[in-house]
């Protein structure tokens, strides 16, 4: 029915716990579910063997050693046993509501991309999958915590085989690649379904120790900037709020609110452009009046902090 694929951080410490929890939950979504783990990170081979899932150690990487989405999406579509695939971040637990939601989309659409908002939840121990109530307990914990992320946070992508081809070398685990993926499906005039109301995607909270610069490196580092440029800038970025359809209890419905999401995005980006155009002249003015002092102190322009902002 469905092939999950992902890549992971090293299977050590808390990351090892959350990643095993996620991968195991995917194997239980449906008896025929296939799971593919990409990457040669520490512990990946052992975790794949332990969980009985397919391990693809080879990935294509960027210069910094991060895994590229174009390779994984192409390889997964080539080797998957099923015609519906799901890339998910390796910290998301899926529950029994996932398959019924997907089946409803499949009944209405031949080609599609399905995404949804996640629920941030504190899970620090291995899930007791032998407990017949494990799904109920995790769902109740997520809803009780009541921290559903905004539409900007996109952690899973369910799509029909062949939907994505000739992708740019964006890297996963950094920002913007997920927003670009939603834009790409919409640009191809394919249905993008917001399943947030139907799927309880439980995100296990974690830190950012896997990146040398921590959270700032993930969000604002060079790789994030490269993703932004390779994706074509802000005009090629979308969120779950831009989905063309919404999956509700009474079926798929047009997402009439997506037009408001577009208005807010353009206003936000226009504001950033205005701010950029204001700060840049000030920056160069300050460079000019401080040049004698900087020369005396031996300071170079490159050593000074520049105004930041995306246009």
C-alpha atoms as a PDB file:
ATOM      1  CA  UNK A   1       0.000   0.000   0.000  1.00  0.00           C
ATOM      2  CA  UNK A   2       2.634   2.547   1.069  1.00  0.00           C
ATOM      3  CA  UNK A   3       6.403   2.991   1.117  1.00  0.00           C
ATOM      4  CA  UNK A   4       7.933   5.238   3.761  1.00  0.00           C
ATOM      5  CA  UNK A   5      11.454   6.541   3.266  1.00  0.00           C
ATOM      6  CA  UNK A   6      13.687   8.759   5.359  1.00  0.00           C
ATOM      7  CA  UNK A   7      17.185   9.479   6.551  1.00  0.00           C
ATOM      8  CA  UNK A   8      18.318   9.799  10.135  1.00  0.00           C
ATOM      9  CA  UNK A   9      20.798  11.242  12.560  1.00  0.00           C
ATOM     10  CA  UNK A  10      23.165   8.865  14.392  1.00  0.00           C
ATOM     11  CA  UNK A  11      21.185   6.351  16.463  1.00  0.00           C
ATOM     12  CA  UNK A  12      22.668   7.452  19.753  1.00  0.00           C
ATOM     13  CA  UNK A  13      21.181   8.919  22.935  1.00  0.00           C
ATOM     14  CA  UNK A  14      17.761  10.518  22.692  1.00  0.00           C
ATOM     15  CA  UNK A  15      17.884  10.600  18.886  1.00  0.00           C
ATOM     16  CA  UNK A  16      18.257   6.837  18.858  1.00  0.00           C
ATOM     17  CA  UNK A  17      15.118   6.511  20.979  1.00  0.00           C
ATOM     18  CA  UNK A  18      12.952   8.872  18.950  1.00  0.00           C
ATOM     19  CA  UNK A  19      14.078   7.513  15.589  1.00  0.00           C
ATOM     20  CA  UNK A  20      13.383   3.918  16.557  1.00  0.00           C
ATOM     21  CA  UNK A  21       9.999   4.980  17.873  1.00  0.00           C
ATOM     22  CA  UNK A  22       9.174   6.678  14.574  1.00  0.00           C
ATOM     23  CA  UNK A  23      10.398   3.888  12.296  1.00  0.00           C
ATOM     24  CA  UNK A  24       8.620   1.197  14.293  1.00  0.00           C
ATOM     25  CA  UNK A  25       5.343   3.124  14.199  1.00  0.00           C
ATOM     26  CA  UNK A  26       5.547   3.299  10.404  1.00  0.00           C
ATOM     27  CA  UNK A  27       5.858  -0.474  10.134  1.00  0.00           C
ATOM     28  CA  UNK A  28       2.617  -0.752  12.106  1.00  0.00           C
ATOM     29  CA  UNK A  29       0.617   1.690   9.979  1.00  0.00           C
ATOM     30  CA  UNK A  30      -0.378  -1.131   7.632  1.00  0.00           C
ATOM     31  CA  UNK A  31       0.626  -4.819   7.325  1.00  0.00           C
ATOM     32  CA  UNK A  32       2.040  -4.163   3.848  1.00  0.00           C
ATOM     33  CA  UNK A  33       3.848  -0.918   4.686  1.00  0.00           C
ATOM     34  CA  UNK A  34       7.448  -0.756   3.464  1.00  0.00           C
ATOM     35  CA  UNK A  35      10.079   1.382   5.197  1.00  0.00           C
ATOM     36  CA  UNK A  36      13.382   2.445   3.609  1.00  0.00           C
ATOM     37  CA  UNK A  37      16.132   4.047   5.700  1.00  0.00           C
ATOM     38  CA  UNK A  38      18.757   5.980   3.727  1.00  0.00           C
ATOM     39  CA  UNK A  39      22.224   6.803   5.000  1.00  0.00           C
ATOM     40  CA  UNK A  40      25.269   5.305   6.675  1.00  0.00           C
ATOM     41  CA  UNK A  41      24.934   7.213   9.956  1.00  0.00           C
ATOM     42  CA  UNK A  42      26.094   5.545  13.152  1.00  0.00           C
ATOM     43  CA  UNK A  43      23.722   2.760  14.131  1.00  0.00           C
ATOM     44  CA  UNK A  44      21.583   2.949  10.976  1.00  0.00           C
ATOM     45  CA  UNK A  45      22.402  -0.542   9.733  1.00  0.00           C
ATOM     46  CA  UNK A  46      21.765  -2.074  13.135  1.00  0.00           C
ATOM     47  CA  UNK A  47      18.479  -0.224  13.588  1.00  0.00           C
ATOM     48  CA  UNK A  48      17.280  -1.299  10.147  1.00  0.00           C
ATOM     49  CA  UNK A  49      18.112  -4.939  10.888  1.00  0.00           C
ATOM     50  CA  UNK A  50      16.475  -4.744  14.310  1.00  0.00           C
ATOM     51  CA  UNK A  51      13.257  -3.273  12.902  1.00  0.00           C
ATOM     52  CA  UNK A  52      13.167  -5.432   9.773  1.00  0.00           C
ATOM     53  CA  UNK A  53      13.235  -2.505   7.349  1.00  0.00           C
ATOM     54  CA  UNK A  54      15.211  -1.882   4.168  1.00  0.00           C
ATOM     55  CA  UNK A  55      18.546  -0.105   4.531  1.00  0.00           C
ATOM     56  CA  UNK A  56      20.047   1.920   1.664  1.00  0.00           C
ATOM     57  CA  UNK A  57      23.424   3.073   3.006  1.00  0.00           C
ATOM     58  CA  UNK A  58      24.354   5.147  -0.036  1.00  0.00           C
ATOM     59  CA  UNK A  59      23.182   8.743  -0.379  1.00  0.00           C
ATOM     60  CA  UNK A  60      24.355  11.660  -2.457  1.00  0.00           C
ATOM     61  CA  UNK A  61      25.607  14.511  -0.288  1.00  0.00           C
ATOM     62  CA  UNK A  62      26.477  18.168  -0.595  1.00  0.00           C
ATOM     63  CA  UNK A  63      29.930  19.560   0.199  1.00  0.00           C
ATOM     64  CA  UNK A  64      29.067  19.753   3.908  1.00  0.00           C
ATOM     65  CA  UNK A  65      28.076  16.084   3.995  1.00  0.00           C
ATOM     66  CA  UNK A  66      24.288  16.559   4.246  1.00  0.00           C
ATOM     67  CA  UNK A  67      21.951  14.232   2.367  1.00  0.00           C
ATOM     68  CA  UNK A  68      20.374  15.532  -0.828  1.00  0.00           C
ATOM     69  CA  UNK A  69      16.646  15.164  -1.344  1.00  0.00           C
ATOM     70  CA  UNK A  70      16.905  14.815  -5.125  1.00  0.00           C
ATOM     71  CA  UNK A  71      18.804  11.538  -4.819  1.00  0.00           C
ATOM     72  CA  UNK A  72      16.601  10.056  -2.109  1.00  0.00           C
ATOM     73  CA  UNK A  73      13.340  10.981  -3.838  1.00  0.00           C
ATOM     74  CA  UNK A  74      14.553   9.567  -7.162  1.00  0.00           C
ATOM     75  CA  UNK A  75      15.972   6.385  -5.656  1.00  0.00           C
ATOM     76  CA  UNK A  76      12.935   5.767  -3.465  1.00  0.00           C
ATOM     77  CA  UNK A  77      10.559   6.133  -6.411  1.00  0.00           C
ATOM     78  CA  UNK A  78      12.710   3.720  -8.405  1.00  0.00           C
ATOM     79  CA  UNK A  79      12.896   0.925  -5.800  1.00  0.00           C
ATOM     80  CA  UNK A  80       9.667   1.257  -3.790  1.00  0.00           C
ATOM     81  CA  UNK A  81       7.341  -1.724  -3.751  1.00  0.00           C
ATOM     82  CA  UNK A  82       4.306   0.546  -3.733  1.00  0.00           C
ATOM     83  CA  UNK A  83       3.039   3.383  -5.914  1.00  0.00           C
ATOM     84  CA  UNK A  84       2.364   5.711  -2.985  1.00  0.00           C
ATOM     85  CA  UNK A  85       5.385   6.987  -1.070  1.00  0.00           C
ATOM     86  CA  UNK A  86       5.882   9.063   2.054  1.00  0.00           C
ATOM     87  CA  UNK A  87       9.016  10.942   2.951  1.00  0.00           C
ATOM     88  CA  UNK A  88       8.895  11.767   6.647  1.00  0.00           C
ATOM     89  CA  UNK A  89      11.359  13.242   9.057  1.00  0.00           C
ATOM     90  CA  UNK A  90      12.629  10.452  11.250  1.00  0.00           C
ATOM     91  CA  UNK A  91      11.097  11.781  14.473  1.00  0.00           C
ATOM     92  CA  UNK A  92       7.414  11.590  13.483  1.00  0.00           C
ATOM     93  CA  UNK A  93       5.154   8.903  14.948  1.00  0.00           C
ATOM     94  CA  UNK A  94       2.148   8.009  12.808  1.00  0.00           C
ATOM     95  CA  UNK A  95      -0.970   6.493  14.347  1.00  0.00           C
ATOM     96  CA  UNK A  96      -3.978   4.501  13.133  1.00  0.00           C
ATOM     97  CA  UNK A  97      -5.662   7.562  11.610  1.00  0.00           C
ATOM     98  CA  UNK A  98      -2.968   7.816   8.908  1.00  0.00           C
ATOM     99  CA  UNK A  99      -4.179   5.034   6.599  1.00  0.00           C
ATOM    100  CA  UNK A 100      -7.893   5.944   6.598  1.00  0.00           C
ATOM    101  CA  UNK A 101      -6.945   9.518   5.684  1.00  0.00           C
ATOM    102  CA  UNK A 102      -4.690   8.351   2.871  1.00  0.00           C
ATOM    103  CA  UNK A 103      -7.337   5.947   1.551  1.00  0.00           C
ATOM    104  CA  UNK A 104      -9.836   8.796   1.299  1.00  0.00           C
ATOM    105  CA  UNK A 105      -7.374  10.853  -0.723  1.00  0.00           C
ATOM    106  CA  UNK A 106      -6.551   7.894  -2.960  1.00  0.00           C
ATOM    107  CA  UNK A 107     -10.228   7.342  -3.649  1.00  0.00           C
ATOM    108  CA  UNK A 108     -10.511  10.871  -5.031  1.00  0.00           C
ATOM    109  CA  UNK A 109      -7.117  11.633  -6.586  1.00  0.00           C
ATOM    110  CA  UNK A 110      -4.749   9.661  -8.810  1.00  0.00           C
ATOM    111  CA  UNK A 111      -1.862  12.123  -8.446  1.00  0.00           C
ATOM    112  CA  UNK A 112      -1.423  14.219  -5.335  1.00  0.00           C
ATOM    113  CA  UNK A 113       0.777  15.479  -2.532  1.00  0.00           C
ATOM    114  CA  UNK A 114      -0.552  15.113   1.016  1.00  0.00           C
ATOM    115  CA  UNK A 115       0.963  17.128   3.883  1.00  0.00           C
ATOM    116  CA  UNK A 116      -0.128  18.068   7.386  1.00  0.00           C
ATOM    117  CA  UNK A 117       0.734  19.926  10.553  1.00  0.00           C
ATOM    118  CA  UNK A 118       2.531  18.145  13.381  1.00  0.00           C
ATOM    119  CA  UNK A 119       1.931  17.966  17.131  1.00  0.00           C
ATOM    120  CA  UNK A 120       5.041  18.677  19.235  1.00  0.00           C
ATOM    121  CA  UNK A 121       5.201  16.177  22.096  1.00  0.00           C
ATOM    122  CA  UNK A 122       7.734  15.327  24.801  1.00  0.00           C
ATOM    123  CA  UNK A 123       8.640  11.652  24.420  1.00  0.00           C
ATOM    124  CA  UNK A 124      11.887  10.578  26.048  1.00  0.00           C
ATOM    125  CA  UNK A 125      11.547   6.788  26.290  1.00  0.00           C
ATOM    126  CA  UNK A 126      11.042   3.908  23.880  1.00  0.00           C
ATOM    127  CA  UNK A 127       7.368   3.402  23.096  1.00  0.00           C
ATOM    128  CA  UNK A 128       5.830   0.207  24.427  1.00  0.00           C
ATOM    129  CA  UNK A 129       4.531  -1.112  21.133  1.00  0.00           C
ATOM    130  CA  UNK A 130       3.409  -4.347  22.813  1.00  0.00           C
ATOM    131  CA  UNK A 131       0.877  -2.363  24.795  1.00  0.00           C
ATOM    132  CA  UNK A 132      -2.422  -2.587  22.859  1.00  0.00           C
ATOM    133  CA  UNK A 133      -3.217   0.990  23.939  1.00  0.00           C
ATOM    134  CA  UNK A 134       0.096   2.554  22.839  1.00  0.00           C
ATOM    135  CA  UNK A 135      -1.487   4.558  20.032  1.00  0.00           C
ATOM    136  CA  UNK A 136      -4.297   5.843  22.228  1.00  0.00           C
ATOM    137  CA  UNK A 137      -1.848   6.920  24.930  1.00  0.00           C
ATOM    138  CA  UNK A 138       0.461   8.770  22.511  1.00  0.00           C
ATOM    139  CA  UNK A 139      -2.450  10.493  20.801  1.00  0.00           C
ATOM    140  CA  UNK A 140      -3.901  11.618  24.134  1.00  0.00           C
ATOM    141  CA  UNK A 141      -0.483  12.895  25.217  1.00  0.00           C
ATOM    142  CA  UNK A 142      -0.107  14.899  21.989  1.00  0.00           C
ATOM    143  CA  UNK A 143      -3.572  16.428  22.206  1.00  0.00           C
ATOM    144  CA  UNK A 144      -3.178  17.143  25.921  1.00  0.00           C
ATOM    145  CA  UNK A 145       0.126  18.905  25.229  1.00  0.00           C
ATOM    146  CA  UNK A 146      -1.813  20.894  22.606  1.00  0.00           C
ATOM    147  CA  UNK A 147       1.145  22.214  20.628  1.00  0.00           C
ATOM    148  CA  UNK A 148       0.214  21.847  17.002  1.00  0.00           C
ATOM    149  CA  UNK A 149       2.744  23.689  14.884  1.00  0.00           C
ATOM    150  CA  UNK A 150       1.809  26.357  12.365  1.00  0.00           C
ATOM    151  CA  UNK A 151       1.549  25.513   8.626  1.00  0.00           C
ATOM    152  CA  UNK A 152       5.164  26.584   8.074  1.00  0.00           C
ATOM    153  CA  UNK A 153       6.405  23.361   9.665  1.00  0.00           C
ATOM    154  CA  UNK A 154       6.153  20.496   7.167  1.00  0.00           C
ATOM    155  CA  UNK A 155       7.438  17.108   8.304  1.00  0.00           C
ATOM    156  CA  UNK A 156       5.896  14.564   5.960  1.00  0.00           C
ATOM    157  CA  UNK A 157       5.101  14.340   2.243  1.00  0.00           C
ATOM    158  CA  UNK A 158       2.844  11.606   0.876  1.00  0.00           C
ATOM    159  CA  UNK A 159       2.816  11.496  -2.905  1.00  0.00           C
ATOM    160  CA  UNK A 160       2.104   9.347  -5.926  1.00  0.00           C
ATOM    161  CA  UNK A 161       5.068   7.693  -7.612  1.00  0.00           C
ATOM    162  CA  UNK A 162       6.468   9.803 -10.434  1.00  0.00           C
ATOM    163  CA  UNK A 163       5.199  13.108  -9.076  1.00  0.00           C
ATOM    164  CA  UNK A 164       8.684  14.416  -8.323  1.00  0.00           C
ATOM    165  CA  UNK A 165      11.469  14.240 -10.899  1.00  0.00           C
ATOM    166  CA  UNK A 166      14.486  16.374 -11.850  1.00  0.00           C
ATOM    167  CA  UNK A 167      14.686  17.984  -8.427  1.00  0.00           C
ATOM    168  CA  UNK A 168      17.369  20.508  -7.463  1.00  0.00           C
ATOM    169  CA  UNK A 169      20.104  19.314  -5.054  1.00  0.00           C
ATOM    170  CA  UNK A 170      18.415  20.643  -1.915  1.00  0.00           C
ATOM    171  CA  UNK A 171      19.404  19.041   1.374  1.00  0.00           C
ATOM    172  CA  UNK A 172      17.055  17.694   4.015  1.00  0.00           C
ATOM    173  CA  UNK A 173      17.431  18.601   7.663  1.00  0.00           C
ATOM    174  CA  UNK A 174      17.756  22.290   6.769  1.00  0.00           C
ATOM    175  CA  UNK A 175      15.044  24.846   6.099  1.00  0.00           C
ATOM    176  CA  UNK A 176      13.334  25.719   2.789  1.00  0.00           C
ATOM    177  CA  UNK A 177      13.474  22.350   1.016  1.00  0.00           C
ATOM    178  CA  UNK A 178      10.084  21.415   2.478  1.00  0.00           C
ATOM    179  CA  UNK A 179       8.465  24.710   1.453  1.00  0.00           C
ATOM    180  CA  UNK A 180       9.922  24.320  -2.035  1.00  0.00           C
ATOM    181  CA  UNK A 181       8.417  20.831  -2.360  1.00  0.00           C
ATOM    182  CA  UNK A 182       4.904  22.155  -1.714  1.00  0.00           C
ATOM    183  CA  UNK A 183       5.497  24.933  -4.239  1.00  0.00           C
ATOM    184  CA  UNK A 184       6.708  22.413  -6.835  1.00  0.00           C
ATOM    185  CA  UNK A 185       3.547  20.308  -6.615  1.00  0.00           C
ATOM    186  CA  UNK A 186       1.348  23.393  -6.899  1.00  0.00           C
ATOM    187  CA  UNK A 187       3.432  24.693  -9.812  1.00  0.00           C
ATOM    188  CA  UNK A 188       2.784  21.394 -11.625  1.00  0.00           C
ATOM    189  CA  UNK A 189      -0.970  21.875 -11.029  1.00  0.00           C
ATOM    190  CA  UNK A 190      -1.159  18.768  -8.859  1.00  0.00           C
ATOM    191  CA  UNK A 191      -3.590  18.571  -5.923  1.00  0.00           C
ATOM    192  CA  UNK A 192      -1.939  19.412  -2.610  1.00  0.00           C
ATOM    193  CA  UNK A 193      -4.011  18.104   0.291  1.00  0.00           C
ATOM    194  CA  UNK A 194      -3.858  19.431   3.841  1.00  0.00           C
ATOM    195  CA  UNK A 195      -4.559  16.410   6.060  1.00  0.00           C
ATOM    196  CA  UNK A 196      -3.951  18.209   9.364  1.00  0.00           C
ATOM    197  CA  UNK A 197      -7.494  17.606  10.580  1.00  0.00           C
ATOM    198  CA  UNK A 198      -7.364  13.904   9.793  1.00  0.00           C
ATOM    199  CA  UNK A 199      -3.794  12.828  10.657  1.00  0.00           C
ATOM    200  CA  UNK A 200      -2.256  13.085  14.118  1.00  0.00           C
ATOM    201  CA  UNK A 201       1.437  13.372  13.233  1.00  0.00           C
ATOM    202  CA  UNK A 202       3.277  13.242  16.567  1.00  0.00           C
ATOM    203  CA  UNK A 203       6.617  15.031  16.534  1.00  0.00           C
ATOM    204  CA  UNK A 204       8.992  13.923  19.285  1.00  0.00           C
ATOM    205  CA  UNK A 205      10.774  17.006  20.623  1.00  0.00           C
ATOM    206  CA  UNK A 206      14.566  17.078  20.296  1.00  0.00           C
ATOM    207  CA  UNK A 207      17.529  19.411  20.496  1.00  0.00           C
ATOM    208  CA  UNK A 208      19.873  20.470  17.691  1.00  0.00           C
ATOM    209  CA  UNK A 209      23.139  19.027  18.933  1.00  0.00           C
ATOM    210  CA  UNK A 210      23.559  17.160  15.664  1.00  0.00           C
ATOM    211  CA  UNK A 211      24.554  20.454  13.988  1.00  0.00           C
ATOM    212  CA  UNK A 212      27.868  22.129  14.953  1.00  0.00           C
ATOM    213  CA  UNK A 213      26.098  25.504  15.223  1.00  0.00           C
ATOM    214  CA  UNK A 214      22.961  24.097  16.826  1.00  0.00           C
ATOM    215  CA  UNK A 215      19.540  25.468  15.914  1.00  0.00           C
ATOM    216  CA  UNK A 216      21.043  28.629  14.425  1.00  0.00           C
ATOM    217  CA  UNK A 217      23.041  26.512  11.986  1.00  0.00           C
ATOM    218  CA  UNK A 218      19.965  24.572  10.871  1.00  0.00           C
ATOM    219  CA  UNK A 219      17.890  27.701  10.346  1.00  0.00           C
ATOM    220  CA  UNK A 220      20.394  30.342   9.270  1.00  0.00           C
ATOM    221  CA  UNK A 221      23.557  28.516   8.206  1.00  0.00           C
ATOM    222  CA  UNK A 222      25.182  28.265   4.799  1.00  0.00           C
ATOM    223  CA  UNK A 223      23.182  25.165   3.837  1.00  0.00           C
ATOM    224  CA  UNK A 224      19.908  26.932   4.573  1.00  0.00           C
ATOM    225  CA  UNK A 225      21.079  29.767   2.359  1.00  0.00           C
ATOM    226  CA  UNK A 226      22.032  27.317  -0.384  1.00  0.00           C
ATOM    227  CA  UNK A 227      18.586  25.692  -0.216  1.00  0.00           C
ATOM    228  CA  UNK A 228      17.006  29.126  -0.515  1.00  0.00           C
ATOM    229  CA  UNK A 229      19.023  29.994  -3.611  1.00  0.00           C
ATOM    230  CA  UNK A 230      18.715  26.594  -5.288  1.00  0.00           C
ATOM    231  CA  UNK A 231      14.974  26.645  -4.742  1.00  0.00           C
ATOM    232  CA  UNK A 232      14.615  30.000  -6.469  1.00  0.00           C
ATOM    233  CA  UNK A 233      14.033  32.281  -3.479  1.00  0.00           C
ATOM    234  CA  UNK A 234      10.900  33.260  -1.605  1.00  0.00           C
ATOM    235  CA  UNK A 235       8.660  33.154  -4.680  1.00  0.00           C
ATOM    236  CA  UNK A 236       9.127  29.376  -4.741  1.00  0.00           C
ATOM    237  CA  UNK A 237       8.301  28.738  -1.095  1.00  0.00           C
ATOM    238  CA  UNK A 238       4.884  27.590   0.142  1.00  0.00           C
ATOM    239  CA  UNK A 239       3.397  26.206   3.356  1.00  0.00           C
ATOM    240  CA  UNK A 240       0.604  23.834   4.289  1.00  0.00           C
ATOM    241  CA  UNK A 241      -1.701  26.854   4.297  1.00  0.00           C
ATOM    242  CA  UNK A 242      -1.219  27.061   0.508  1.00  0.00           C
ATOM    243  CA  UNK A 243      -2.683  23.577  -0.060  1.00  0.00           C
ATOM    244  CA  UNK A 244      -5.299  23.465  -2.788  1.00  0.00           C
ATOM    245  CA  UNK A 245      -7.556  21.094  -0.837  1.00  0.00           C
ATOM    246  CA  UNK A 246      -8.358  20.227   2.763  1.00  0.00           C
ATOM    247  CA  UNK A 247      -9.269  16.757   3.995  1.00  0.00           C
ATOM    248  CA  UNK A 248     -12.263  17.043   6.314  1.00  0.00           C
ATOM    249  CA  UNK A 249     -14.696  14.601   7.892  1.00  0.00           C
ATOM    250  CA  UNK A 250     -17.007  15.000   4.899  1.00  0.00           C
ATOM    251  CA  UNK A 251     -14.245  14.533   2.317  1.00  0.00           C
ATOM    252  CA  UNK A 252     -11.917  16.676   0.224  1.00  0.00           C
ATOM    253  CA  UNK A 253     -12.894  20.324   0.027  1.00  0.00           C
ATOM    254  CA  UNK A 254     -11.305  23.297  -1.778  1.00  0.00           C
ATOM    255  CA  UNK A 255      -9.014  25.296   0.493  1.00  0.00           C
ATOM    256  CA  UNK A 256     -10.572  28.721   0.085  1.00  0.00           C
ATOM    257  CA  UNK A 257      -8.276  30.152   2.782  1.00  0.00           C
ATOM    258  CA  UNK A 258      -5.187  29.608   0.616  1.00  0.00           C
ATOM    259  CA  UNK A 259      -5.707  32.973  -1.104  1.00  0.00           C
ATOM    260  CA  UNK A 260      -5.395  34.755   2.230  1.00  0.00           C
ATOM    261  CA  UNK A 261      -2.188  32.811   2.903  1.00  0.00           C
ATOM    262  CA  UNK A 262      -0.801  34.134  -0.381  1.00  0.00           C
ATOM    263  CA  UNK A 263      -1.716  37.724   0.518  1.00  0.00           C
ATOM    264  CA  UNK A 264       0.000  37.444   3.893  1.00  0.00           C
ATOM    265  CA  UNK A 265       3.115  35.957   2.290  1.00  0.00           C
ATOM    266  CA  UNK A 266       3.463  38.786  -0.225  1.00  0.00           C
ATOM    267  CA  UNK A 267       2.888  41.430   2.449  1.00  0.00           C
ATOM    268  CA  UNK A 268       5.501  39.791   4.657  1.00  0.00           C
ATOM    269  CA  UNK A 269       8.067  39.592   1.894  1.00  0.00           C
ATOM    270  CA  UNK A 270       7.346  43.147   0.773  1.00  0.00           C
ATOM    271  CA  UNK A 271       8.026  44.285   4.331  1.00  0.00           C
ATOM    272  CA  UNK A 272      11.333  42.452   4.347  1.00  0.00           C
ATOM    273  CA  UNK A 273      12.277  44.040   1.026  1.00  0.00           C
ATOM    274  CA  UNK A 274      11.475  47.500   2.346  1.00  0.00           C
ATOM    275  CA  UNK A 275      13.521  46.846   5.483  1.00  0.00           C
ATOM    276  CA  UNK A 276      16.420  45.609   3.365  1.00  0.00           C
ATOM    277  CA  UNK A 277      16.296  48.691   1.141  1.00  0.00           C
ATOM    278  CA  UNK A 278      16.306  50.939   4.210  1.00  0.00           C
ATOM    279  CA  UNK A 279      19.141  49.207   6.050  1.00  0.00           C
ATOM    280  CA  UNK A 280      21.474  48.832   3.074  1.00  0.00           C
ATOM    281  CA  UNK A 281      21.984  52.623   2.495  1.00  0.00           C
ATOM    282  CA  UNK A 282      22.511  53.073   6.231  1.00  0.00           C
ATOM    283  CA  UNK A 283      25.085  50.270   6.163  1.00  0.00           C
ATOM    284  CA  UNK A 284      27.067  51.853   3.361  1.00  0.00           C
ATOM    285  CA  UNK A 285      26.789  55.301   4.988  1.00  0.00           C
ATOM    286  CA  UNK A 286      28.260  53.889   8.209  1.00  0.00           C
ATOM    287  CA  UNK A 287      31.028  52.222   6.230  1.00  0.00           C
ATOM    288  CA  UNK A 288      31.921  55.557   4.689  1.00  0.00           C
ATOM    289  CA  UNK A 289      32.075  57.652   7.851  1.00  0.00           C
ATOM    290  CA  UNK A 290      33.920  54.979   9.857  1.00  0.00           C
ATOM    291  CA  UNK A 291      36.478  54.129   7.157  1.00  0.00           C
ATOM    292  CA  UNK A 292      39.300  56.324   8.584  1.00  0.00           C
ATOM    293  CA  UNK A 293      38.882  54.844  12.050  1.00  0.00           C
ATOM    294  CA  UNK A 294      38.656  51.301  10.713  1.00  0.00           C
ATOM    295  CA  UNK A 295      41.778  51.811   8.630  1.00  0.00           C
ATOM    296  CA  UNK A 296      43.612  53.081  11.683  1.00  0.00           C
ATOM    297  CA  UNK A 297      42.534  50.035  13.681  1.00  0.00           C
ATOM    298  CA  UNK A 298      43.254  47.608  10.844  1.00  0.00           C
ATOM    299  CA  UNK A 299      39.628  46.439  10.550  1.00  0.00           C
ATOM    300  CA  UNK A 300      38.338  45.113   7.240  1.00  0.00           C
ATOM    301  CA  UNK A 301      34.779  45.493   5.963  1.00  0.00           C
ATOM    302  CA  UNK A 302      34.369  41.708   5.776  1.00  0.00           C
ATOM    303  CA  UNK A 303      34.919  41.450   9.531  1.00  0.00           C
ATOM    304  CA  UNK A 304      31.926  43.681  10.329  1.00  0.00           C
ATOM    305  CA  UNK A 305      28.388  42.307  10.896  1.00  0.00           C
ATOM    306  CA  UNK A 306      26.131  42.860   7.914  1.00  0.00           C
ATOM    307  CA  UNK A 307      22.393  43.517   8.069  1.00  0.00           C
ATOM    308  CA  UNK A 308      20.493  40.274   7.517  1.00  0.00           C
ATOM    309  CA  UNK A 309      17.256  39.531   5.758  1.00  0.00           C
ATOM    310  CA  UNK A 310      15.803  37.511   2.892  1.00  0.00           C
ATOM    311  CA  UNK A 311      14.171  39.239  -0.020  1.00  0.00           C
END
